[in-house]
Protein backbone atom coordinates (compact mmCIF):
# COMPACT_ATOMS: atom_id res chain seq x y z
CA MET A 1 6.90 -27.06 9.23
CA ALA A 2 5.24 -24.10 7.98
CA LEU A 3 7.40 -22.08 4.54
CA ILE A 4 4.27 -20.00 4.78
CA ASP A 5 3.25 -17.37 8.49
CA GLN A 6 0.53 -15.27 7.41
CA ARG A 7 -1.18 -15.07 4.34
CA VAL A 8 -1.65 -11.58 2.50
CA GLU A 9 -5.23 -10.65 1.07
CA VAL A 10 -3.32 -6.68 -0.76
CA PRO A 11 -0.25 -6.49 -2.01
CA VAL A 12 -0.02 -2.41 -0.61
CA THR A 13 -0.82 -1.84 3.22
CA ILE A 14 -1.74 1.33 4.94
CA ASP A 15 -0.50 1.86 8.01
CA GLU A 16 -3.82 4.42 9.45
CA SER A 17 -2.47 5.23 12.62
CA VAL A 18 0.53 6.98 10.51
CA CYS A 19 -1.24 8.00 6.64
CA ILE A 20 -1.27 11.69 6.76
CA ASP A 21 -5.37 12.44 6.93
CA GLY A 22 -5.70 13.74 3.46
CA CYS A 23 -2.11 13.21 1.68
CA THR A 24 -2.32 12.10 -1.75
CA LEU A 25 1.57 11.65 -2.55
CA CYS A 26 1.16 7.44 -2.62
CA VAL A 27 -2.19 7.86 -4.38
CA GLU A 28 -0.52 9.92 -6.65
CA ALA A 29 2.71 7.91 -7.27
CA CYS A 30 1.19 4.46 -7.90
CA PRO A 31 1.46 3.86 -11.99
CA LEU A 32 -1.71 1.37 -12.23
CA ASP A 33 -3.88 3.85 -9.48
CA SER A 34 -4.43 0.96 -7.04
CA LEU A 35 -4.80 3.27 -4.00
CA ALA A 36 -6.78 5.89 -3.10
CA ILE A 37 -7.76 8.24 -0.64
CA SER A 38 -10.64 7.37 1.33
CA ASP A 39 -13.71 10.01 2.04
CA GLU A 40 -15.02 8.92 5.40
CA THR A 41 -11.40 8.39 6.97
CA GLY A 42 -9.49 10.65 4.80
CA LYS A 43 -6.37 8.24 4.50
CA ALA A 44 -5.12 6.08 1.87
CA TYR A 45 -6.07 2.21 0.71
CA MET A 46 -6.00 -0.02 -1.91
CA HIS A 47 -9.29 -0.46 -4.10
CA VAL A 48 -8.28 -2.75 -6.52
CA ASP A 49 -5.84 -5.58 -6.38
CA GLU A 50 -3.48 -5.10 -8.37
CA CYS A 51 0.40 -3.88 -7.83
CA TRP A 52 2.98 -4.46 -9.79
CA TYR A 53 5.18 -3.99 -6.91
CA CYS A 54 7.34 -1.42 -7.94
CA GLY A 55 7.68 1.00 -5.08
CA PRO A 56 6.94 3.92 -5.25
CA CYS A 57 4.38 4.79 -3.43
CA ALA A 58 6.50 3.73 -0.41
CA ALA A 59 9.23 5.51 -1.54
CA ARG A 60 6.67 8.98 -1.33
CA CYS A 61 5.13 8.15 1.83
CA PRO A 62 6.69 10.75 4.08
CA VAL A 63 5.69 9.00 7.34
CA ASP A 64 6.56 5.28 5.55
CA ALA A 65 2.67 4.54 5.83
CA VAL A 66 2.91 2.35 3.37
CA THR A 67 4.48 -1.37 2.84
CA ILE A 68 4.41 -3.42 -0.16
CA ASN A 69 4.26 -7.13 0.93
CA ILE A 70 5.59 -8.84 -2.01
CA PRO A 71 4.96 -12.56 -2.48
CA TYR A 72 7.47 -14.95 -1.58
CA LEU A 73 7.77 -15.99 -5.37
CA LEU A 74 7.98 -12.61 -6.37
CA ARG A 75 11.73 -12.43 -4.18
């Protein structure tokens, strides 16, 4: 029986289907500047693999497009 069903590559994922083009609320909320807006899509993405799992980015998103994937051992 596997304890982990899915491996998560990045701490924060953005659902681009609901992310608002050009919105920067999550980017501005991140204390580590780990999020950025893509020049190509206008959507947020995680551009560095560092995260404190603190949550302001997800809390500020008006459409709940930001998901924080907290590793099992940190829960």
